[in-house]
Amino acid sequence: MSFQEKLQAIVKKNNSLVCVGLDSDIDKLPDNIKHRESPQFEFNKAIIDTTHDLVCCYKPNTAFYEAYGNKGLEELKKTCDYIRGIYPDILIIIDAKRGDIGNTNNGYAKFVFDYLSADAITVIPFFGIEALSPFFAHEGKGVIIGCHSSNPGSKEFQELEINGKPLYHIVAEEIMKQYGDNPNCMIFMGATYPEELGTIRTIVKDMTILAPGIGAQEGALEKAVKAGLNTQKEGLIINSSRGIIYASNGDDFAEKARETTEKLRGEINKYR
């Protein structure tokens, strides 16, 4: 089964395009969690248990786990194993933004797909689209290629014009040329730039777009949803990380995360 087929199944089951980013920074965890033996995992588990019926994906960013060395990677592994074991219908996207020559990418792919058993990985295409082939060699696994990020400085390079086109247009066109018919191929495009998101939608047709930037980065939700949906009123994964997982820093953090997730799902569905 392709990543796209798995995604469509969970979107339908939970009526949701919401992805919760598990960017669990120990310094920001509630006091009743941060001093436990496995604080990141315990925090993630509570978030997952209270939101699993409201989302289509979870997206841990590896940086928040790599920062703590072996212990952090162990907590990331435990988080992925928990989702896979208890809520197997929900997809796991590893936000790693990896990208190198093919031989190195093979190692990145093995870590994410074989060791973590995740469903998808975010990658950077600037070593050339052909260098990403080791990720695509893993059957049924999603490869989410960076096109235009959500941060304010993204325009510095990503919108540089080459022969009259901004670079992110060229990236999207090349992705379509090489992997446009591959159901495991997607792109990520910041929801903070809804006009550019709409332009990218016209280039990639019905391909799924991961759109980060809703929540703490204050992406314009209505504009982003309307610009990013495909012809099936799907094809969009709306990610919120800090806006959900840090909705409260008290003992009620999980309940507040659920309330925030449910509200986001309702707002997205209002515009579908």
C-alpha atoms as a PDB file:
ATOM      1  CA  MET A   1       0.000   0.000   0.000  1.00  0.00           C
ATOM      2  CA  SER A   2       1.338   3.445  -0.906  1.00  0.00           C
ATOM      3  CA  PHE A   3       1.748   6.277   1.579  1.00  0.00           C
ATOM      4  CA  GLN A   4      -1.015   8.140  -0.237  1.00  0.00           C
ATOM      5  CA  GLU A   5      -3.459   5.247   0.215  1.00  0.00           C
ATOM      6  CA  LYS A   6      -2.662   5.043   3.930  1.00  0.00           C
ATOM      7  CA  LEU A   7      -3.087   8.794   4.239  1.00  0.00           C
ATOM      8  CA  GLN A   8      -6.450   8.820   2.492  1.00  0.00           C
ATOM      9  CA  ALA A   9      -7.688   6.044   4.801  1.00  0.00           C
ATOM     10  CA  ILE A  10      -6.833   7.876   8.038  1.00  0.00           C
ATOM     11  CA  VAL A  11      -8.058  11.236   6.687  1.00  0.00           C
ATOM     12  CA  LYS A  12     -11.423   9.604   6.036  1.00  0.00           C
ATOM     13  CA  LYS A  13     -11.514   7.705   9.345  1.00  0.00           C
ATOM     14  CA  ASN A  14     -10.713  10.732  11.534  1.00  0.00           C
ATOM     15  CA  ASN A  15     -12.132  13.355   9.153  1.00  0.00           C
ATOM     16  CA  SER A  16      -8.910  15.244   9.661  1.00  0.00           C
ATOM     17  CA  LEU A  17      -6.054  16.921   7.807  1.00  0.00           C
ATOM     18  CA  VAL A  18      -4.316  17.777  11.090  1.00  0.00           C
ATOM     19  CA  CYS A  19      -0.748  16.726  11.825  1.00  0.00           C
ATOM     20  CA  VAL A  20       0.592  17.254  15.345  1.00  0.00           C
ATOM     21  CA  GLY A  21       4.288  18.042  15.475  1.00  0.00           C
ATOM     22  CA  LEU A  22       5.893  16.251  18.425  1.00  0.00           C
ATOM     23  CA  ASP A  23       8.693  18.799  18.883  1.00  0.00           C
ATOM     24  CA  SER A  24       9.130  17.962  22.553  1.00  0.00           C
ATOM     25  CA  ASP A  25      11.756  20.182  24.157  1.00  0.00           C
ATOM     26  CA  ILE A  26      12.522  18.934  27.672  1.00  0.00           C
ATOM     27  CA  ASP A  27      13.029  22.499  28.935  1.00  0.00           C
ATOM     28  CA  LYS A  28       9.443  23.351  27.953  1.00  0.00           C
ATOM     29  CA  LEU A  29       7.746  20.288  29.401  1.00  0.00           C
ATOM     30  CA  PRO A  30       5.453  20.578  32.442  1.00  0.00           C
ATOM     31  CA  ASP A  31       7.206  20.160  35.788  1.00  0.00           C
ATOM     32  CA  ASN A  32       5.346  16.923  36.516  1.00  0.00           C
ATOM     33  CA  ILE A  33       6.843  15.399  33.349  1.00  0.00           C
ATOM     34  CA  LYS A  34      10.330  16.805  32.830  1.00  0.00           C
ATOM     35  CA  HIS A  35      11.963  14.940  35.725  1.00  0.00           C
ATOM     36  CA  ARG A  36      10.635  11.492  34.821  1.00  0.00           C
ATOM     37  CA  GLU A  37      12.858   8.714  33.510  1.00  0.00           C
ATOM     38  CA  SER A  38      11.602   9.188  29.920  1.00  0.00           C
ATOM     39  CA  PRO A  39      10.153  12.714  29.869  1.00  0.00           C
ATOM     40  CA  GLN A  40       9.869  13.200  26.112  1.00  0.00           C
ATOM     41  CA  PHE A  41       8.196   9.846  25.611  1.00  0.00           C
ATOM     42  CA  GLU A  42       5.818  10.324  28.555  1.00  0.00           C
ATOM     43  CA  PHE A  43       4.874  13.766  27.262  1.00  0.00           C
ATOM     44  CA  ASN A  44       4.387  12.476  23.710  1.00  0.00           C
ATOM     45  CA  LYS A  45       2.358   9.498  24.915  1.00  0.00           C
ATOM     46  CA  ALA A  46      -0.054  11.756  26.788  1.00  0.00           C
ATOM     47  CA  ILE A  47      -0.476  14.005  23.730  1.00  0.00           C
ATOM     48  CA  ILE A  48      -0.984  11.009  21.442  1.00  0.00           C
ATOM     49  CA  ASP A  49      -3.512   9.302  23.734  1.00  0.00           C
ATOM     50  CA  THR A  50      -5.679  12.418  23.897  1.00  0.00           C
ATOM     51  CA  THR A  51      -5.516  13.414  20.205  1.00  0.00           C
ATOM     52  CA  HIS A  52      -5.289  10.153  18.248  1.00  0.00           C
ATOM     53  CA  ASP A  53      -8.889  10.336  17.003  1.00  0.00           C
ATOM     54  CA  LEU A  54      -8.452  13.904  15.738  1.00  0.00           C
ATOM     55  CA  VAL A  55      -5.357  13.657  13.535  1.00  0.00           C
ATOM     56  CA  CYS A  56      -4.013  12.006  10.419  1.00  0.00           C
ATOM     57  CA  CYS A  57      -0.303  12.173  11.292  1.00  0.00           C
ATOM     58  CA  TYR A  58       2.239  12.794  14.002  1.00  0.00           C
ATOM     59  CA  LYS A  59       5.483  14.513  13.049  1.00  0.00           C
ATOM     60  CA  PRO A  60       8.440  14.330  15.440  1.00  0.00           C
ATOM     61  CA  ASN A  61      11.324  16.619  14.499  1.00  0.00           C
ATOM     62  CA  THR A  62      14.556  14.706  15.096  1.00  0.00           C
ATOM     63  CA  ALA A  63      16.444  17.789  16.338  1.00  0.00           C
ATOM     64  CA  PHE A  64      14.543  17.796  19.628  1.00  0.00           C
ATOM     65  CA  TYR A  65      15.693  14.223  20.297  1.00  0.00           C
ATOM     66  CA  GLU A  66      19.179  14.321  18.796  1.00  0.00           C
ATOM     67  CA  ALA A  67      19.963  17.193  21.179  1.00  0.00           C
ATOM     68  CA  TYR A  68      19.994  14.670  24.041  1.00  0.00           C
ATOM     69  CA  GLY A  69      22.196  12.082  22.363  1.00  0.00           C
ATOM     70  CA  ASN A  70      21.473   8.382  22.821  1.00  0.00           C
ATOM     71  CA  LYS A  71      18.785   9.077  25.428  1.00  0.00           C
ATOM     72  CA  GLY A  72      16.902  11.370  23.086  1.00  0.00           C
ATOM     73  CA  LEU A  73      17.054   8.895  20.205  1.00  0.00           C
ATOM     74  CA  GLU A  74      15.756   6.211  22.561  1.00  0.00           C
ATOM     75  CA  GLU A  75      12.789   8.440  23.401  1.00  0.00           C
ATOM     76  CA  LEU A  76      12.117   9.058  19.704  1.00  0.00           C
ATOM     77  CA  LYS A  77      12.222   5.315  19.061  1.00  0.00           C
ATOM     78  CA  LYS A  78       9.843   4.638  21.965  1.00  0.00           C
ATOM     79  CA  THR A  79       7.460   7.297  20.627  1.00  0.00           C
ATOM     80  CA  CYS A  80       7.411   5.765  17.151  1.00  0.00           C
ATOM     81  CA  ASP A  81       7.014   2.245  18.547  1.00  0.00           C
ATOM     82  CA  TYR A  82       4.090   3.399  20.687  1.00  0.00           C
ATOM     83  CA  ILE A  83       2.226   4.960  17.766  1.00  0.00           C
ATOM     84  CA  ARG A  84       2.952   1.969  15.565  1.00  0.00           C
ATOM     85  CA  GLY A  85       1.799  -0.497  18.232  1.00  0.00           C
ATOM     86  CA  ILE A  86      -1.273   1.251  19.674  1.00  0.00           C
ATOM     87  CA  TYR A  87      -2.499   3.486  16.834  1.00  0.00           C
ATOM     88  CA  PRO A  88      -1.160   1.817  13.662  1.00  0.00           C
ATOM     89  CA  ASP A  89      -3.550   3.657  11.323  1.00  0.00           C
ATOM     90  CA  ILE A  90      -1.980   7.023  12.150  1.00  0.00           C
ATOM     91  CA  LEU A  91       0.999   7.953  10.015  1.00  0.00           C
ATOM     92  CA  ILE A  92       4.394   8.939  11.386  1.00  0.00           C
ATOM     93  CA  ILE A  93       6.335  11.614   9.514  1.00  0.00           C
ATOM     94  CA  ILE A  94       9.923  12.068  10.637  1.00  0.00           C
ATOM     95  CA  ASP A  95      10.812  15.709  10.137  1.00  0.00           C
ATOM     96  CA  ALA A  96      14.536  15.316   9.500  1.00  0.00           C
ATOM     97  CA  LYS A  97      15.029  17.455   6.372  1.00  0.00           C
ATOM     98  CA  ARG A  98      17.819  15.164   5.246  1.00  0.00           C
ATOM     99  CA  GLY A  99      19.541  15.611   1.922  1.00  0.00           C
ATOM    100  CA  ASP A 100      22.949  14.553   0.654  1.00  0.00           C
ATOM    101  CA  ILE A 101      24.426  12.403  -2.087  1.00  0.00           C
ATOM    102  CA  GLY A 102      22.786   9.056  -2.706  1.00  0.00           C
ATOM    103  CA  ASN A 103      25.133   6.882  -0.628  1.00  0.00           C
ATOM    104  CA  THR A 104      24.610   9.037   2.471  1.00  0.00           C
ATOM    105  CA  ASN A 105      20.880   9.259   1.892  1.00  0.00           C
ATOM    106  CA  ASN A 106      20.759   5.481   1.990  1.00  0.00           C
ATOM    107  CA  GLY A 107      21.853   5.626   5.644  1.00  0.00           C
ATOM    108  CA  TYR A 108      19.302   8.323   6.464  1.00  0.00           C
ATOM    109  CA  ALA A 109      16.552   6.234   4.863  1.00  0.00           C
ATOM    110  CA  LYS A 110      17.503   3.111   6.815  1.00  0.00           C
ATOM    111  CA  PHE A 111      17.413   5.018  10.102  1.00  0.00           C
ATOM    112  CA  VAL A 112      13.949   6.472   9.476  1.00  0.00           C
ATOM    113  CA  PHE A 113      12.252   3.616   7.656  1.00  0.00           C
ATOM    114  CA  ASP A 114      13.944   0.519   9.080  1.00  0.00           C
ATOM    115  CA  TYR A 115      14.977   1.526  12.609  1.00  0.00           C
ATOM    116  CA  LEU A 116      12.148   3.942  13.480  1.00  0.00           C
ATOM    117  CA  SER A 117       9.587   2.210  11.213  1.00  0.00           C
ATOM    118  CA  ALA A 118       8.195   5.608  10.247  1.00  0.00           C
ATOM    119  CA  ASP A 119       5.924   6.181   7.276  1.00  0.00           C
ATOM    120  CA  ALA A 120       7.560   9.249   5.751  1.00  0.00           C
ATOM    121  CA  ILE A 121      10.524  11.592   5.926  1.00  0.00           C
ATOM    122  CA  THR A 122      11.069  15.214   4.977  1.00  0.00           C
ATOM    123  CA  VAL A 123      14.051  15.770   2.672  1.00  0.00           C
ATOM    124  CA  ILE A 124      15.897  18.636   0.998  1.00  0.00           C
ATOM    125  CA  PRO A 125      16.392  18.430  -2.799  1.00  0.00           C
ATOM    126  CA  PHE A 126      19.380  20.687  -3.391  1.00  0.00           C
ATOM    127  CA  PHE A 127      21.842  17.898  -4.106  1.00  0.00           C
ATOM    128  CA  GLY A 128      19.582  17.066  -7.058  1.00  0.00           C
ATOM    129  CA  ILE A 129      16.347  15.118  -7.253  1.00  0.00           C
ATOM    130  CA  GLU A 130      18.210  12.027  -8.449  1.00  0.00           C
ATOM    131  CA  ALA A 131      20.107  11.890  -5.138  1.00  0.00           C
ATOM    132  CA  LEU A 132      16.804  11.211  -3.377  1.00  0.00           C
ATOM    133  CA  SER A 133      16.357   7.814  -5.037  1.00  0.00           C
ATOM    134  CA  PRO A 134      17.437   5.841  -1.901  1.00  0.00           C
ATOM    135  CA  PHE A 135      14.400   7.223  -0.060  1.00  0.00           C
ATOM    136  CA  PHE A 136      12.069   6.228  -2.885  1.00  0.00           C
ATOM    137  CA  ALA A 137      13.579   2.723  -2.919  1.00  0.00           C
ATOM    138  CA  HIS A 138      11.649   1.951   0.285  1.00  0.00           C
ATOM    139  CA  GLU A 139       8.310   0.640  -0.919  1.00  0.00           C
ATOM    140  CA  GLY A 140       5.220   2.341   0.479  1.00  0.00           C
ATOM    141  CA  LYS A 141       7.190   5.019   2.325  1.00  0.00           C
ATOM    142  CA  GLY A 142       6.501   8.721   1.841  1.00  0.00           C
ATOM    143  CA  VAL A 143       9.150  11.175   0.691  1.00  0.00           C
ATOM    144  CA  ILE A 144       8.213  14.799   1.400  1.00  0.00           C
ATOM    145  CA  ILE A 145      10.489  17.100  -0.573  1.00  0.00           C
ATOM    146  CA  GLY A 146      11.186  20.660   0.530  1.00  0.00           C
ATOM    147  CA  CYS A 147       9.904  23.307  -1.855  1.00  0.00           C
ATOM    148  CA  HIS A 148       9.334  26.478   0.185  1.00  0.00           C
ATOM    149  CA  SER A 149       9.712  26.633   3.958  1.00  0.00           C
ATOM    150  CA  SER A 150       7.540  28.556   6.415  1.00  0.00           C
ATOM    151  CA  ASN A 151      10.168  30.769   8.094  1.00  0.00           C
ATOM    152  CA  PRO A 152      10.558  34.518   7.357  1.00  0.00           C
ATOM    153  CA  GLY A 153      14.024  34.060   5.828  1.00  0.00           C
ATOM    154  CA  SER A 154      12.855  31.477   3.309  1.00  0.00           C
ATOM    155  CA  LYS A 155      12.567  34.087   0.570  1.00  0.00           C
ATOM    156  CA  GLU A 156      16.293  34.798   0.734  1.00  0.00           C
ATOM    157  CA  PHE A 157      17.192  31.857  -1.501  1.00  0.00           C
ATOM    158  CA  GLN A 158      13.965  30.010  -2.273  1.00  0.00           C
ATOM    159  CA  GLU A 159      12.467  32.918  -4.196  1.00  0.00           C
ATOM    160  CA  LEU A 160      15.589  33.841  -6.160  1.00  0.00           C
ATOM    161  CA  GLU A 161      14.659  34.153  -9.824  1.00  0.00           C
ATOM    162  CA  ILE A 162      16.334  31.957 -12.401  1.00  0.00           C
ATOM    163  CA  ASN A 163      15.368  32.571 -16.018  1.00  0.00           C
ATOM    164  CA  GLY A 164      12.302  34.468 -14.856  1.00  0.00           C
ATOM    165  CA  LYS A 165      11.080  31.859 -12.352  1.00  0.00           C
ATOM    166  CA  PRO A 166      11.548  31.719  -8.588  1.00  0.00           C
ATOM    167  CA  LEU A 167      13.644  28.782  -7.480  1.00  0.00           C
ATOM    168  CA  TYR A 168      10.825  27.081  -5.586  1.00  0.00           C
ATOM    169  CA  HIS A 169       8.777  26.957  -8.806  1.00  0.00           C
ATOM    170  CA  ILE A 170      11.634  25.218 -10.571  1.00  0.00           C
ATOM    171  CA  VAL A 171      11.977  22.734  -7.708  1.00  0.00           C
ATOM    172  CA  ALA A 172       8.256  21.907  -7.844  1.00  0.00           C
ATOM    173  CA  GLU A 173       8.342  21.494 -11.617  1.00  0.00           C
ATOM    174  CA  GLU A 174      11.347  19.167 -11.433  1.00  0.00           C
ATOM    175  CA  ILE A 175       9.706  17.095  -8.705  1.00  0.00           C
ATOM    176  CA  MET A 176       6.663  16.695 -10.929  1.00  0.00           C
ATOM    177  CA  LYS A 177       8.815  15.808 -13.909  1.00  0.00           C
ATOM    178  CA  GLN A 178      10.656  13.027 -12.070  1.00  0.00           C
ATOM    179  CA  TYR A 179       8.154  11.800  -9.471  1.00  0.00           C
ATOM    180  CA  GLY A 180       4.800  13.322 -10.368  1.00  0.00           C
ATOM    181  CA  ASP A 181       3.178   9.929 -10.862  1.00  0.00           C
ATOM    182  CA  ASN A 182       4.656   8.395  -7.699  1.00  0.00           C
ATOM    183  CA  PRO A 183       2.008   8.075  -4.925  1.00  0.00           C
ATOM    184  CA  ASN A 184       4.744   8.176  -2.277  1.00  0.00           C
ATOM    185  CA  CYS A 185       6.019  11.603  -3.369  1.00  0.00           C
ATOM    186  CA  MET A 186       4.896  14.826  -1.680  1.00  0.00           C
ATOM    187  CA  ILE A 187       6.267  18.288  -1.047  1.00  0.00           C
ATOM    188  CA  PHE A 188       6.336  20.648   1.895  1.00  0.00           C
ATOM    189  CA  MET A 189       5.336  24.249   1.452  1.00  0.00           C
ATOM    190  CA  GLY A 190       4.881  26.723   4.316  1.00  0.00           C
ATOM    191  CA  ALA A 191       1.314  27.660   5.202  1.00  0.00           C
ATOM    192  CA  THR A 192       2.680  31.084   6.123  1.00  0.00           C
ATOM    193  CA  TYR A 193       2.796  31.879   2.391  1.00  0.00           C
ATOM    194  CA  PRO A 194      -0.737  31.072   1.143  1.00  0.00           C
ATOM    195  CA  GLU A 195      -0.352  32.892  -2.186  1.00  0.00           C
ATOM    196  CA  GLU A 196       2.787  30.921  -3.029  1.00  0.00           C
ATOM    197  CA  LEU A 197       1.052  27.771  -1.768  1.00  0.00           C
ATOM    198  CA  GLY A 198      -1.739  28.342  -4.278  1.00  0.00           C
ATOM    199  CA  THR A 199       0.779  28.738  -7.083  1.00  0.00           C
ATOM    200  CA  ILE A 200       2.496  25.503  -6.097  1.00  0.00           C
ATOM    201  CA  ARG A 201      -0.851  23.709  -6.049  1.00  0.00           C
ATOM    202  CA  THR A 202      -1.321  24.564  -9.732  1.00  0.00           C
ATOM    203  CA  ILE A 203       2.111  23.063 -10.498  1.00  0.00           C
ATOM    204  CA  VAL A 204       1.870  19.826  -8.492  1.00  0.00           C
ATOM    205  CA  LYS A 205      -1.787  19.160  -9.348  1.00  0.00           C
ATOM    206  CA  ASP A 206      -3.294  16.702  -6.803  1.00  0.00           C
ATOM    207  CA  MET A 207      -0.030  15.801  -5.070  1.00  0.00           C
ATOM    208  CA  THR A 208      -0.183  15.987  -1.275  1.00  0.00           C
ATOM    209  CA  ILE A 209       1.389  19.037   0.355  1.00  0.00           C
ATOM    210  CA  LEU A 210       2.627  19.154   3.941  1.00  0.00           C
ATOM    211  CA  ALA A 211       1.976  22.706   5.128  1.00  0.00           C
ATOM    212  CA  PRO A 212       3.743  23.679   8.364  1.00  0.00           C
ATOM    213  CA  GLY A 213       3.477  27.072  10.021  1.00  0.00           C
ATOM    214  CA  ILE A 214      -0.022  27.023  11.488  1.00  0.00           C
ATOM    215  CA  GLY A 215      -0.071  27.943  15.165  1.00  0.00           C
ATOM    216  CA  ALA A 216       3.083  29.430  16.648  1.00  0.00           C
ATOM    217  CA  GLN A 217       4.176  30.830  13.268  1.00  0.00           C
ATOM    218  CA  GLU A 218       0.687  32.253  12.689  1.00  0.00           C
ATOM    219  CA  GLY A 219       0.003  30.930   9.228  1.00  0.00           C
ATOM    220  CA  ALA A 220      -3.242  32.246   7.724  1.00  0.00           C
ATOM    221  CA  LEU A 221      -5.378  29.136   8.091  1.00  0.00           C
ATOM    222  CA  GLU A 222      -8.364  29.927   5.859  1.00  0.00           C
ATOM    223  CA  LYS A 223      -6.190  31.202   3.021  1.00  0.00           C
ATOM    224  CA  ALA A 224      -3.785  28.279   3.335  1.00  0.00           C
ATOM    225  CA  VAL A 225      -6.529  25.658   3.304  1.00  0.00           C
ATOM    226  CA  LYS A 226      -8.362  27.160   0.337  1.00  0.00           C
ATOM    227  CA  ALA A 227      -5.106  27.600  -1.595  1.00  0.00           C
ATOM    228  CA  GLY A 228      -3.703  24.179  -0.764  1.00  0.00           C
ATOM    229  CA  LEU A 229      -6.589  21.742  -1.171  1.00  0.00           C
ATOM    230  CA  ASN A 230      -6.562  19.564  -4.260  1.00  0.00           C
ATOM    231  CA  THR A 231      -9.523  18.720  -6.485  1.00  0.00           C
ATOM    232  CA  GLN A 232     -10.665  16.069  -3.984  1.00  0.00           C
ATOM    233  CA  LYS A 233     -10.745  18.616  -1.133  1.00  0.00           C
ATOM    234  CA  GLU A 234      -7.813  16.740   0.373  1.00  0.00           C
ATOM    235  CA  GLY A 235      -4.133  16.563  -0.541  1.00  0.00           C
ATOM    236  CA  LEU A 236      -3.117  18.777   2.349  1.00  0.00           C
ATOM    237  CA  ILE A 237      -1.530  17.980   5.706  1.00  0.00           C
ATOM    238  CA  ILE A 238      -1.767  20.960   8.061  1.00  0.00           C
ATOM    239  CA  ASN A 239       0.872  20.786  10.770  1.00  0.00           C
ATOM    240  CA  SER A 240       0.830  22.527  14.135  1.00  0.00           C
ATOM    241  CA  SER A 241       3.533  21.773  16.679  1.00  0.00           C
ATOM    242  CA  ARG A 242       4.110  24.301  19.469  1.00  0.00           C
ATOM    243  CA  GLY A 243       0.588  25.704  19.157  1.00  0.00           C
ATOM    244  CA  ILE A 244      -0.827  22.326  20.202  1.00  0.00           C
ATOM    245  CA  ILE A 245       1.692  20.563  22.416  1.00  0.00           C
ATOM    246  CA  TYR A 246       2.397  23.679  24.505  1.00  0.00           C
ATOM    247  CA  ALA A 247      -1.200  24.862  24.717  1.00  0.00           C
ATOM    248  CA  SER A 248      -0.698  24.538  28.477  1.00  0.00           C
ATOM    249  CA  ASN A 249       2.394  23.967  30.605  1.00  0.00           C
ATOM    250  CA  GLY A 250       0.363  22.724  33.560  1.00  0.00           C
ATOM    251  CA  ASP A 251      -0.966  19.332  34.603  1.00  0.00           C
ATOM    252  CA  ASP A 252      -3.780  19.769  32.055  1.00  0.00           C
ATOM    253  CA  PHE A 253      -1.381  19.949  29.070  1.00  0.00           C
ATOM    254  CA  ALA A 254      -2.824  16.858  27.367  1.00  0.00           C
ATOM    255  CA  GLU A 255      -6.437  17.997  27.743  1.00  0.00           C
ATOM    256  CA  LYS A 256      -5.555  21.449  26.387  1.00  0.00           C
ATOM    257  CA  ALA A 257      -3.720  19.826  23.489  1.00  0.00           C
ATOM    258  CA  ARG A 258      -6.879  17.902  22.657  1.00  0.00           C
ATOM    259  CA  GLU A 259      -9.027  21.037  22.817  1.00  0.00           C
ATOM    260  CA  THR A 260      -6.627  22.895  20.528  1.00  0.00           C
ATOM    261  CA  THR A 261      -6.392  19.994  18.078  1.00  0.00           C
ATOM    262  CA  GLU A 262     -10.159  19.603  17.940  1.00  0.00           C
ATOM    263  CA  LYS A 263     -10.583  23.314  17.316  1.00  0.00           C
ATOM    264  CA  LEU A 264      -8.000  23.258  14.522  1.00  0.00           C
ATOM    265  CA  ARG A 265      -9.632  20.249  12.872  1.00  0.00           C
ATOM    266  CA  GLY A 266     -13.002  21.985  12.981  1.00  0.00           C
ATOM    267  CA  GLU A 267     -11.641  25.189  11.474  1.00  0.00           C
ATOM    268  CA  ILE A 268      -9.889  23.319   8.667  1.00  0.00           C
ATOM    269  CA  ASN A 269     -12.989  21.287   7.853  1.00  0.00           C
ATOM    270  CA  LYS A 270     -15.064  24.472   7.767  1.00  0.00           C
ATOM    271  CA  TYR A 271     -13.011  25.619   4.775  1.00  0.00           C
ATOM    272  CA  ARG A 272     -12.902  22.265   2.926  1.00  0.00           C
END
